N, C-alpha and C. Protein backbone atom coordinates (compact mmCIF):
# COMPACT_ATOMS: atom_id res chain seq x y z
N MET A 1 -6.53 -6.82 -2.64
CA MET A 1 -5.94 -5.62 -3.63
C MET A 1 -4.26 -5.83 -3.56
N ALA A 2 -3.89 -6.40 -4.87
CA ALA A 2 -2.65 -6.48 -5.39
C ALA A 2 -2.22 -5.00 -5.97
N LEU A 3 -1.08 -4.30 -5.32
CA LEU A 3 -0.75 -3.37 -6.06
C LEU A 3 0.92 -3.08 -6.37
N PRO A 4 1.44 -2.40 -7.15
CA PRO A 4 2.78 -2.51 -7.46
C PRO A 4 3.80 -1.69 -6.45
N ASN A 5 2.89 -0.48 -5.99
CA ASN A 5 3.80 0.56 -5.19
C ASN A 5 2.66 1.15 -4.08
N ALA A 6 1.80 0.45 -3.19
CA ALA A 6 1.31 0.91 -2.23
C ALA A 6 1.58 -0.14 -1.00
N VAL A 7 1.72 0.24 0.15
CA VAL A 7 1.73 -0.69 1.40
C VAL A 7 0.92 0.18 2.49
N LEU A 8 0.21 -0.65 3.07
CA LEU A 8 -0.65 -0.02 4.24
C LEU A 8 -0.35 -0.18 5.17
N PHE A 9 -0.04 0.94 6.32
CA PHE A 9 0.37 0.57 7.36
C PHE A 9 -0.86 0.64 8.64
N PRO A 10 -0.90 0.07 9.55
CA PRO A 10 -1.53 0.31 10.75
C PRO A 10 -1.71 1.56 11.39
N HIS A 11 -2.80 2.00 11.85
CA HIS A 11 -2.77 3.50 12.20
C HIS A 11 -2.66 4.62 11.14
N SER A 12 -2.70 4.36 9.87
CA SER A 12 -2.47 5.12 9.21
C SER A 12 -3.71 5.17 7.81
N LEU A 13 -3.69 6.32 6.89
CA LEU A 13 -4.32 6.34 5.99
C LEU A 13 -3.80 6.27 4.74
N LEU A 14 -4.72 5.40 3.46
CA LEU A 14 -4.37 5.19 2.16
C LEU A 14 -5.43 5.50 1.55
N PRO A 15 -5.13 6.62 0.70
CA PRO A 15 -6.11 6.82 -0.44
C PRO A 15 -6.14 6.15 -1.51
N LEU A 16 -7.17 5.62 -2.23
CA LEU A 16 -7.12 4.64 -3.25
C LEU A 16 -8.02 5.18 -4.46
N HIS A 17 -7.78 4.99 -5.60
CA HIS A 17 -8.77 5.00 -6.57
C HIS A 17 -9.00 3.68 -7.41
N ILE A 18 -10.21 3.15 -7.15
CA ILE A 18 -10.78 2.00 -7.53
C ILE A 18 -11.46 1.92 -9.07
N PHE A 19 -10.76 1.48 -10.10
CA PHE A 19 -11.38 1.67 -11.27
C PHE A 19 -11.35 0.32 -12.33
N GLU A 20 -10.39 -0.39 -11.92
CA GLU A 20 -10.49 -1.95 -12.74
C GLU A 20 -11.80 -2.82 -12.12
N ALA A 21 -12.43 -3.57 -13.03
CA ALA A 21 -13.55 -3.97 -12.86
C ALA A 21 -13.40 -5.28 -11.85
N GLN A 22 -12.45 -5.86 -11.75
CA GLN A 22 -12.23 -6.87 -10.52
C GLN A 22 -12.27 -6.12 -9.35
N TYR A 23 -11.53 -5.02 -9.07
CA TYR A 23 -11.72 -3.86 -7.94
C TYR A 23 -12.84 -3.44 -7.56
N ARG A 24 -13.58 -3.16 -8.70
CA ARG A 24 -14.91 -2.72 -8.34
C ARG A 24 -15.96 -3.38 -7.88
N LYS A 25 -15.73 -4.79 -8.45
CA LYS A 25 -16.49 -6.11 -7.36
C LYS A 25 -16.04 -5.99 -6.19
N MET A 26 -14.68 -6.22 -5.94
CA MET A 26 -13.91 -6.32 -4.47
C MET A 26 -14.89 -5.30 -3.62
N LEU A 27 -14.76 -3.86 -4.25
CA LEU A 27 -15.04 -2.87 -3.50
C LEU A 27 -16.63 -2.92 -2.98
N SER A 28 -17.50 -3.42 -3.89
CA SER A 28 -19.09 -3.73 -3.73
C SER A 28 -19.21 -4.58 -2.43
N TYR A 29 -18.26 -5.59 -2.75
CA TYR A 29 -18.49 -6.77 -1.79
C TYR A 29 -17.96 -6.09 -0.27
N SER A 30 -16.72 -5.25 -0.20
CA SER A 30 -16.61 -5.12 0.88
C SER A 30 -17.55 -3.86 1.56
N LEU A 31 -17.93 -3.24 0.71
CA LEU A 31 -18.98 -2.09 1.43
C LEU A 31 -20.10 -2.68 1.69
N ASN A 32 -20.77 -4.11 1.17
CA ASN A 32 -22.11 -4.71 1.50
C ASN A 32 -21.56 -5.58 2.57
N GLY A 33 -20.40 -5.76 2.96
CA GLY A 33 -19.72 -6.62 4.28
C GLY A 33 -19.30 -5.74 5.23
N ASP A 34 -18.17 -6.49 5.32
CA ASP A 34 -17.26 -5.96 6.95
C ASP A 34 -16.65 -4.43 6.59
N ARG A 35 -16.75 -3.80 5.31
CA ARG A 35 -15.96 -2.80 5.08
C ARG A 35 -14.60 -2.74 5.12
N MET A 36 -13.92 -4.01 4.70
CA MET A 36 -12.45 -4.23 4.77
C MET A 36 -12.05 -5.01 3.53
N PHE A 37 -10.62 -4.64 3.51
CA PHE A 37 -9.79 -5.49 2.51
C PHE A 37 -8.30 -5.24 2.61
N CYS A 38 -7.45 -6.20 2.11
CA CYS A 38 -6.43 -6.04 2.42
C CYS A 38 -5.59 -5.42 0.92
N VAL A 39 -4.54 -4.76 1.20
CA VAL A 39 -3.52 -4.30 0.27
C VAL A 39 -2.43 -4.89 0.28
N GLY A 40 -1.91 -5.63 -0.67
CA GLY A 40 -0.39 -6.57 -0.77
C GLY A 40 0.28 -5.61 -1.86
N LEU A 41 1.78 -5.88 -1.63
CA LEU A 41 2.60 -5.11 -2.42
C LEU A 41 3.13 -6.16 -3.45
N ILE A 42 3.08 -6.27 -4.85
CA ILE A 42 3.43 -6.87 -5.82
C ILE A 42 5.02 -7.10 -5.93
N LYS A 43 5.54 -8.23 -5.75
CA LYS A 43 7.03 -8.25 -5.69
C LYS A 43 7.56 -7.60 -7.02
N PRO A 44 8.99 -7.32 -7.10
CA PRO A 44 9.67 -6.69 -8.19
C PRO A 44 9.49 -7.88 -9.45
N GLY A 45 9.42 -7.37 -10.44
CA GLY A 45 9.39 -8.13 -11.76
C GLY A 45 8.22 -9.01 -12.10
N ILE A 46 7.12 -8.87 -11.21
CA ILE A 46 5.86 -9.41 -11.25
C ILE A 46 4.95 -8.56 -12.05
N ASP A 47 4.49 -9.15 -13.10
CA ASP A 47 3.42 -8.28 -14.12
C ASP A 47 2.20 -8.72 -13.52
N ASN A 48 1.48 -9.92 -13.50
CA ASN A 48 0.36 -10.64 -13.15
C ASN A 48 0.30 -11.48 -11.84
N VAL A 49 -0.26 -11.01 -10.78
CA VAL A 49 -0.33 -11.94 -9.61
C VAL A 49 -1.34 -13.08 -9.81
N THR A 50 -0.27 -14.16 -9.91
CA THR A 50 -1.40 -15.63 -9.98
C THR A 50 -1.51 -16.28 -8.91
N GLN A 51 -0.14 -16.35 -8.15
CA GLN A 51 0.22 -16.85 -6.84
C GLN A 51 0.27 -15.90 -5.90
N ILE A 52 0.20 -16.46 -4.32
CA ILE A 52 0.25 -15.91 -3.18
C ILE A 52 1.90 -15.59 -3.32
N ALA A 53 3.07 -16.58 -3.68
CA ALA A 53 4.35 -15.97 -3.89
C ALA A 53 4.68 -14.87 -4.61
N ASP A 54 3.73 -14.35 -5.52
CA ASP A 54 3.90 -13.15 -6.13
C ASP A 54 3.71 -11.63 -5.42
N LEU A 55 3.42 -11.92 -4.28
CA LEU A 55 3.25 -10.68 -3.20
C LEU A 55 4.11 -10.72 -2.30
N CYS A 56 4.49 -9.79 -1.73
CA CYS A 56 5.30 -9.67 -0.48
C CYS A 56 4.44 -10.31 0.80
N PRO A 57 5.23 -11.18 1.48
CA PRO A 57 4.48 -11.83 2.38
C PRO A 57 3.45 -11.26 3.62
N ILE A 58 3.84 -10.13 4.17
CA ILE A 58 3.23 -9.67 5.19
C ILE A 58 2.37 -8.47 4.00
N ILE A 59 0.92 -8.04 4.60
CA ILE A 59 0.13 -7.06 3.91
C ILE A 59 -0.48 -6.44 4.94
N GLY A 60 -1.10 -5.12 4.88
CA GLY A 60 -1.93 -4.63 5.67
C GLY A 60 -3.26 -4.68 5.41
N ILE A 61 -4.27 -4.80 6.30
CA ILE A 61 -5.70 -4.87 6.27
C ILE A 61 -6.24 -3.74 6.70
N GLY A 62 -7.23 -3.01 5.99
CA GLY A 62 -7.90 -1.82 6.33
C GLY A 62 -9.41 -1.98 6.24
N LEU A 63 -9.94 -0.58 6.76
CA LEU A 63 -11.44 -0.52 7.27
C LEU A 63 -11.38 0.78 6.02
N ILE A 64 -12.77 0.38 5.32
CA ILE A 64 -13.02 1.47 4.66
C ILE A 64 -13.65 2.61 5.12
N ARG A 65 -12.90 4.01 5.47
CA ARG A 65 -13.74 5.08 6.00
C ARG A 65 -14.53 5.74 5.20
N ALA A 66 -14.13 5.99 4.01
CA ALA A 66 -14.96 6.87 3.06
C ALA A 66 -15.01 6.12 1.65
N CYS A 67 -16.14 6.37 1.03
CA CYS A 67 -15.90 5.98 -0.37
C CYS A 67 -16.93 6.81 -1.18
N VAL A 68 -16.42 7.43 -2.66
CA VAL A 68 -17.22 8.27 -3.27
C VAL A 68 -17.19 7.79 -4.57
N GLU A 69 -18.54 7.25 -5.35
CA GLU A 69 -18.47 6.79 -6.62
C GLU A 69 -18.58 7.83 -7.54
N ASN A 70 -17.47 7.51 -8.59
CA ASN A 70 -17.70 8.64 -9.86
C ASN A 70 -18.84 8.26 -10.43
N GLU A 71 -19.34 9.17 -11.68
CA GLU A 71 -20.23 8.74 -12.55
C GLU A 71 -19.69 7.75 -13.47
N ASP A 72 -18.39 7.48 -13.79
CA ASP A 72 -18.17 6.42 -14.72
C ASP A 72 -17.83 5.17 -14.12
N GLY A 73 -18.33 4.77 -12.66
CA GLY A 73 -18.31 3.73 -11.95
C GLY A 73 -17.16 3.65 -11.03
N ALA A 74 -16.01 4.02 -11.36
CA ALA A 74 -14.51 4.25 -10.51
C ALA A 74 -15.07 4.96 -9.18
N SER A 75 -14.23 4.30 -8.28
CA SER A 75 -14.14 5.25 -6.87
C SER A 75 -13.24 5.67 -6.31
N ARG A 76 -13.41 6.58 -5.36
CA ARG A 76 -11.93 7.16 -4.81
C ARG A 76 -12.53 6.93 -3.13
N LEU A 77 -11.45 6.13 -2.41
CA LEU A 77 -11.83 6.07 -1.21
C LEU A 77 -10.72 6.12 -0.33
N MET A 78 -10.71 6.03 1.29
CA MET A 78 -10.03 6.17 2.05
C MET A 78 -9.70 4.99 3.01
N LEU A 79 -8.70 4.22 2.92
CA LEU A 79 -8.64 3.10 3.92
C LEU A 79 -7.80 3.49 5.00
N GLN A 80 -8.37 3.09 6.09
CA GLN A 80 -7.33 3.20 7.57
C GLN A 80 -7.03 1.92 7.71
N GLY A 81 -5.59 1.81 7.76
CA GLY A 81 -4.76 0.86 8.31
C GLY A 81 -5.35 0.10 9.82
N LEU A 82 -5.44 -1.26 9.53
CA LEU A 82 -5.87 -1.66 11.05
C LEU A 82 -4.75 -2.63 11.49
N ALA A 83 -4.17 -3.44 10.54
CA ALA A 83 -3.30 -4.24 11.23
C ALA A 83 -2.42 -4.87 10.05
N ARG A 84 -1.44 -5.65 10.59
CA ARG A 84 -0.26 -6.26 9.64
C ARG A 84 -1.00 -7.80 9.75
N VAL A 85 -1.08 -8.57 8.31
CA VAL A 85 -1.60 -9.81 8.31
C VAL A 85 -0.59 -10.58 7.69
N ARG A 86 -0.77 -12.12 7.44
CA ARG A 86 0.06 -12.91 6.52
C ARG A 86 -1.11 -13.49 5.92
N LEU A 87 -0.70 -13.52 4.62
CA LEU A 87 -1.68 -14.25 3.48
C LEU A 87 -1.24 -15.67 3.51
N ILE A 88 -2.24 -16.45 3.78
CA ILE A 88 -2.04 -17.90 4.08
C ILE A 88 -2.15 -18.66 2.41
N ASP A 89 -3.36 -18.45 2.05
CA ASP A 89 -3.86 -19.02 0.62
C ASP A 89 -4.93 -18.15 0.15
N TRP A 90 -5.47 -18.50 -1.17
CA TRP A 90 -6.51 -18.06 -1.79
C TRP A 90 -7.62 -18.88 -1.37
N ILE A 91 -8.89 -18.15 -0.92
CA ILE A 91 -10.15 -19.13 -0.88
C ILE A 91 -10.91 -18.91 -2.00
N GLN A 92 -10.84 -17.71 -2.91
CA GLN A 92 -11.47 -17.55 -3.98
C GLN A 92 -10.60 -16.69 -5.08
N ASN A 93 -10.56 -17.05 -6.48
CA ASN A 93 -9.73 -16.40 -7.42
C ASN A 93 -10.47 -15.62 -8.23
N MET A 94 -12.12 -15.55 -8.37
CA MET A 94 -12.61 -15.01 -9.20
C MET A 94 -13.81 -14.71 -8.73
N PRO A 95 -14.52 -13.56 -8.88
CA PRO A 95 -14.06 -12.52 -10.02
C PRO A 95 -13.20 -11.46 -9.33
N PHE A 96 -12.76 -11.78 -8.36
CA PHE A 96 -11.65 -11.19 -7.26
C PHE A 96 -11.16 -12.05 -6.26
N LYS A 97 -9.74 -11.78 -5.63
CA LYS A 97 -9.07 -12.79 -5.00
C LYS A 97 -9.80 -12.56 -3.63
N ILE A 98 -10.24 -13.33 -2.76
CA ILE A 98 -10.21 -13.60 -1.21
C ILE A 98 -9.29 -14.77 -0.62
N GLY A 99 -8.74 -14.18 0.53
CA GLY A 99 -7.54 -14.93 1.12
C GLY A 99 -7.81 -15.01 2.36
N ARG A 100 -7.29 -16.11 2.79
CA ARG A 100 -7.10 -16.50 4.23
C ARG A 100 -5.98 -15.96 4.71
N ILE A 101 -6.32 -15.33 6.07
CA ILE A 101 -5.28 -14.43 6.63
C ILE A 101 -4.88 -14.80 8.20
N GLU A 102 -3.54 -14.50 8.36
CA GLU A 102 -3.47 -14.74 9.91
C GLU A 102 -2.88 -13.34 10.56
N LEU A 103 -3.45 -13.06 11.62
CA LEU A 103 -2.95 -11.57 12.29
C LEU A 103 -1.66 -11.67 12.54
N MET A 104 -0.84 -10.89 12.57
CA MET A 104 0.80 -10.61 12.73
C MET A 104 0.98 -9.50 14.01
N GLU A 105 1.50 -9.97 15.24
CA GLU A 105 1.31 -9.12 16.16
C GLU A 105 2.86 -8.51 16.11
N SER A 106 3.10 -7.26 16.53
CA SER A 106 4.09 -6.67 16.99
C SER A 106 4.86 -7.56 18.10
N ILE A 107 6.15 -7.34 18.21
CA ILE A 107 7.06 -7.88 19.28
C ILE A 107 7.67 -6.78 20.15
N LEU A 108 7.36 -6.62 21.41
CA LEU A 108 7.92 -5.41 22.20
C LEU A 108 8.71 -5.90 23.23
N GLU A 109 9.91 -6.47 23.21
CA GLU A 109 10.87 -6.93 23.95
C GLU A 109 11.47 -6.23 25.02
N ASN A 110 11.83 -5.18 24.64
CA ASN A 110 12.51 -3.95 24.82
C ASN A 110 11.67 -2.64 25.17
N PRO A 111 10.79 -2.45 25.84
CA PRO A 111 9.87 -1.26 26.20
C PRO A 111 11.09 -0.02 26.36
N ILE A 112 11.87 -0.09 27.16
CA ILE A 112 12.97 1.09 27.39
C ILE A 112 13.17 1.40 26.10
N GLU A 113 14.21 0.44 25.28
CA GLU A 113 15.09 0.72 24.37
C GLU A 113 14.00 1.45 23.23
N ALA A 114 12.51 0.74 23.10
CA ALA A 114 11.64 1.25 22.17
C ALA A 114 11.33 2.71 22.38
N ASP A 115 11.31 2.92 23.74
CA ASP A 115 10.95 4.73 24.43
C ASP A 115 11.95 5.27 23.60
N ALA A 116 13.46 4.88 23.74
CA ALA A 116 14.30 6.08 23.45
C ALA A 116 14.39 5.85 22.14
N LEU A 117 14.13 4.96 21.35
CA LEU A 117 14.12 4.95 19.59
C LEU A 117 13.20 5.97 19.30
N GLY A 118 11.84 5.73 20.02
CA GLY A 118 11.11 6.55 19.57
C GLY A 118 10.95 8.11 19.71
N GLU A 119 11.98 8.55 20.90
CA GLU A 119 12.38 9.70 21.03
C GLU A 119 12.97 10.12 19.94
N LYS A 120 13.91 9.32 19.54
CA LYS A 120 15.27 9.67 18.33
C LYS A 120 14.23 10.07 17.02
N VAL A 121 13.08 9.19 16.74
CA VAL A 121 12.14 9.20 15.54
C VAL A 121 11.59 10.58 15.70
N LYS A 122 11.14 10.95 16.50
CA LYS A 122 10.23 12.23 16.83
C LYS A 122 11.37 13.47 16.69
N GLU A 123 12.49 13.33 17.04
CA GLU A 123 13.52 14.19 17.18
C GLU A 123 13.94 14.54 15.34
N LEU A 124 14.00 13.58 14.80
CA LEU A 124 14.22 13.31 13.23
C LEU A 124 13.09 14.13 12.40
N CYS A 125 11.86 13.64 13.19
CA CYS A 125 10.50 14.10 12.29
C CYS A 125 10.70 15.77 12.57
N ASN A 126 11.05 16.36 13.75
CA ASN A 126 11.36 17.70 14.01
C ASN A 126 12.30 18.27 13.23
N ARG A 127 13.40 17.65 12.96
CA ARG A 127 14.60 18.23 11.93
C ARG A 127 14.10 18.29 10.62
N ILE A 128 13.42 17.22 10.11
CA ILE A 128 13.01 17.46 8.83
C ILE A 128 11.85 18.42 8.54
N ALA A 129 11.12 18.82 9.91
CA ALA A 129 10.15 19.87 9.50
C ALA A 129 11.27 21.25 9.73
N GLU A 130 11.91 21.22 10.42
CA GLU A 130 13.17 22.50 10.44
C GLU A 130 13.63 22.93 9.14
N LEU A 131 14.09 21.64 8.49
CA LEU A 131 14.73 21.79 6.91
C LEU A 131 13.89 22.17 6.16
N GLY A 132 12.65 22.30 6.33
CA GLY A 132 11.49 22.78 5.55
C GLY A 132 10.87 21.82 4.53
N ARG A 133 11.39 20.29 4.72
CA ARG A 133 10.67 19.43 4.14
C ARG A 133 9.14 19.30 4.19
N PRO A 134 8.50 18.63 3.35
CA PRO A 134 6.79 18.68 3.25
C PRO A 134 6.83 17.57 4.50
N VAL A 135 5.78 18.30 5.68
CA VAL A 135 5.09 17.71 6.52
C VAL A 135 3.93 17.53 6.60
N PRO A 136 3.14 16.58 7.04
CA PRO A 136 1.83 16.60 6.80
C PRO A 136 1.21 17.78 8.17
N PRO A 137 0.00 18.29 7.84
CA PRO A 137 -0.43 19.60 8.57
C PRO A 137 -0.60 18.71 10.02
N ASN A 138 -0.33 19.67 11.11
CA ASN A 138 -0.54 19.50 12.18
C ASN A 138 0.28 18.21 12.95
N PHE A 139 1.43 17.76 12.12
CA PHE A 139 2.05 16.44 12.12
C PHE A 139 2.69 16.47 13.68
N GLY A 140 3.36 17.60 14.17
CA GLY A 140 4.06 17.79 15.26
C GLY A 140 3.06 17.71 16.35
N GLU A 141 1.89 18.01 16.43
CA GLU A 141 1.05 18.16 17.45
C GLU A 141 0.26 16.54 17.65
N HIS A 142 0.22 16.03 16.27
CA HIS A 142 -0.09 14.52 16.50
C HIS A 142 0.77 13.73 17.18
N LEU A 143 2.23 14.05 16.77
CA LEU A 143 3.18 13.27 17.19
C LEU A 143 3.33 13.20 18.85
N LYS A 144 3.03 14.20 19.43
CA LYS A 144 3.06 14.80 20.83
C LYS A 144 2.11 13.80 21.60
N GLN A 145 0.84 13.29 20.77
CA GLN A 145 -0.15 12.51 21.56
C GLN A 145 -0.02 11.27 21.40
N ILE A 146 1.19 10.66 20.74
CA ILE A 146 1.23 9.15 20.82
C ILE A 146 2.60 9.08 21.91
N ASP A 147 2.09 7.99 22.65
CA ASP A 147 2.93 7.42 23.35
C ASP A 147 3.21 5.92 23.15
N SER A 148 3.11 5.06 22.18
CA SER A 148 3.21 4.08 21.74
C SER A 148 4.19 3.83 20.66
N PRO A 149 5.27 3.22 20.85
CA PRO A 149 6.49 3.24 19.95
C PRO A 149 6.01 2.46 18.63
N GLU A 150 5.22 1.50 19.31
CA GLU A 150 4.63 0.63 17.99
C GLU A 150 3.82 1.93 17.21
N ILE A 151 2.91 2.26 17.61
CA ILE A 151 1.99 3.19 16.93
C ILE A 151 2.72 4.26 16.39
N LEU A 152 3.75 4.91 16.68
CA LEU A 152 4.72 5.83 16.31
C LEU A 152 5.47 5.49 14.93
N SER A 153 5.96 4.24 15.16
CA SER A 153 6.83 3.84 14.16
C SER A 153 5.72 3.68 12.73
N ASP A 154 4.37 3.20 13.15
CA ASP A 154 3.82 3.08 11.96
C ASP A 154 3.29 4.37 10.99
N VAL A 155 2.96 5.47 12.24
CA VAL A 155 2.39 6.71 11.66
C VAL A 155 3.60 7.51 10.80
N VAL A 156 4.64 7.62 11.37
CA VAL A 156 6.14 8.08 11.11
C VAL A 156 6.22 7.51 9.49
N ALA A 157 6.56 6.13 9.53
CA ALA A 157 6.33 5.43 8.16
C ALA A 157 5.65 6.03 7.27
N ALA A 158 4.29 5.89 7.50
CA ALA A 158 3.22 6.14 6.58
C ALA A 158 3.28 7.52 6.03
N ALA A 159 3.91 8.49 6.85
CA ALA A 159 4.19 9.96 6.64
C ALA A 159 5.28 10.15 5.75
N PHE A 160 6.52 9.55 6.01
CA PHE A 160 7.45 10.02 5.65
C PHE A 160 8.51 9.26 4.45
N VAL A 161 8.31 7.67 4.41
CA VAL A 161 9.14 6.81 3.69
C VAL A 161 8.24 6.56 2.59
N ALA A 162 8.71 7.00 1.49
CA ALA A 162 7.92 6.92 0.17
C ALA A 162 8.34 5.42 -0.87
N ASN A 163 9.49 5.20 -0.60
CA ASN A 163 9.84 4.01 -1.33
C ASN A 163 8.99 2.93 -0.88
N PRO A 164 8.08 2.14 -1.98
CA PRO A 164 7.46 1.01 -1.50
C PRO A 164 7.85 -0.02 -0.61
N PHE A 165 9.36 -0.14 -1.31
CA PHE A 165 9.97 -1.44 -0.69
C PHE A 165 10.68 -1.19 0.60
N GLN A 166 11.04 0.07 1.04
CA GLN A 166 11.44 0.44 2.06
C GLN A 166 10.25 0.34 3.25
N ARG A 167 9.22 0.83 2.72
CA ARG A 167 7.75 0.52 3.43
C ARG A 167 7.58 -0.73 3.67
N GLN A 168 7.86 -1.70 2.71
CA GLN A 168 7.46 -2.84 2.91
C GLN A 168 8.44 -3.63 4.27
N GLN A 169 9.63 -3.14 3.98
CA GLN A 169 10.67 -3.71 5.09
C GLN A 169 10.20 -3.30 6.55
N LEU A 170 9.28 -2.26 6.60
CA LEU A 170 9.10 -1.70 7.81
C LEU A 170 7.85 -2.19 8.33
N LEU A 171 7.09 -2.65 7.46
CA LEU A 171 5.65 -3.19 7.47
C LEU A 171 6.08 -5.00 7.96
N GLU A 172 7.08 -5.75 7.72
CA GLU A 172 7.59 -6.87 7.81
C GLU A 172 8.35 -6.91 9.05
N ALA A 173 8.92 -5.85 9.44
CA ALA A 173 9.74 -5.66 10.88
C ALA A 173 8.83 -5.90 12.20
N MET A 174 8.52 -7.15 12.46
CA MET A 174 7.66 -7.43 13.68
C MET A 174 8.40 -6.94 14.76
N ASP A 175 9.47 -6.85 15.30
CA ASP A 175 9.89 -6.37 16.36
C ASP A 175 10.05 -4.95 16.43
N VAL A 176 9.31 -4.28 17.30
CA VAL A 176 9.60 -3.04 17.39
C VAL A 176 10.55 -2.00 17.39
N CYS A 177 11.68 -2.46 18.06
CA CYS A 177 12.91 -1.98 18.20
C CYS A 177 13.50 -1.97 16.89
N GLU A 178 13.40 -3.25 16.24
CA GLU A 178 14.08 -3.51 14.65
C GLU A 178 13.12 -2.36 13.95
N ARG A 179 11.95 -2.28 13.87
CA ARG A 179 11.40 -1.36 13.08
C ARG A 179 11.47 0.13 13.25
N LEU A 180 11.88 0.45 14.55
CA LEU A 180 12.10 1.88 14.82
C LEU A 180 13.80 2.40 14.15
N ARG A 181 14.46 1.15 14.41
CA ARG A 181 16.05 1.38 14.09
C ARG A 181 15.73 1.64 12.27
N LEU A 182 15.24 0.61 11.74
CA LEU A 182 15.12 0.67 10.35
C LEU A 182 14.52 2.16 10.01
N LEU A 183 13.49 2.73 10.62
CA LEU A 183 12.80 3.87 10.16
C LEU A 183 13.97 5.14 10.31
N ILE A 184 14.98 5.15 11.63
CA ILE A 184 15.49 6.17 11.90
C ILE A 184 16.57 6.26 10.58
N LEU A 185 17.16 5.26 10.19
CA LEU A 185 17.84 4.97 8.81
C LEU A 185 17.17 5.57 7.82
N PHE A 186 15.99 5.17 7.58
CA PHE A 186 15.28 6.15 6.56
C PHE A 186 15.22 7.28 6.63
N LEU A 187 14.93 7.83 8.00
CA LEU A 187 14.26 9.51 8.22
C LEU A 187 15.73 10.26 7.76
N ARG A 188 17.12 9.53 8.51
CA ARG A 188 18.39 10.30 8.31
C ARG A 188 18.44 10.28 6.82
N GLY A 189 18.32 9.21 6.19
CA GLY A 189 18.31 9.73 4.30
C GLY A 189 17.51 10.54 3.98
N TYR A 190 16.40 10.94 4.40
CA TYR A 190 15.19 11.75 4.26
C TYR A 190 15.80 13.10 4.51
N ALA A 191 16.68 13.30 5.72
CA ALA A 191 16.88 14.60 6.32
C ALA A 191 18.14 14.78 5.91
N ASN A 192 18.68 14.09 5.10
CA ASN A 192 20.24 14.05 4.55
C ASN A 192 21.17 14.20 5.58
N GLU A 193 20.87 13.63 6.95
CA GLU A 193 21.97 13.62 7.78
C GLU A 193 22.33 12.21 8.13
N GLU A 194 23.72 12.17 8.21
CA GLU A 194 24.74 11.12 8.08
C GLU A 194 25.10 10.71 9.76
């Protein structure tokens, strides 16, 4: 699914409204199969996705957790992010696109640095809450249960980073420490902390 403003992170949920004919067919195909599909961010200035280069290179693959069809045939669903993938090529174009993908694994070369950066991320999340900024319900408790810097980066990015191209930068950062440093930069901007 090619979208102009949505990025799907692993370990996060993305609500979607499916109403276009091609995506209704894609949804039906997915529900009758493995219940998974990918979400890719359309590059700026592209109106109609015709080639792989029209999408950002790293995309998210997710599992349909819940789906409700409306009387008009449109559907509302909740997609749970599973992994980062790279779109290699199209193996089907019509009635909807099916791509060949490869799994992109995060790189964790310095676990000690990643843990320290993760603690800074948690500190900034607490600061954001103290400032009265919108925070998901029970988010503080949820953060306390996350001990993986990789998972932490995705959960916090999904909750706080609204700009789709900043989200895409985080999705494309394969090195966990690099991802956390970038996330800290975005969180500081959100908290108005210099």
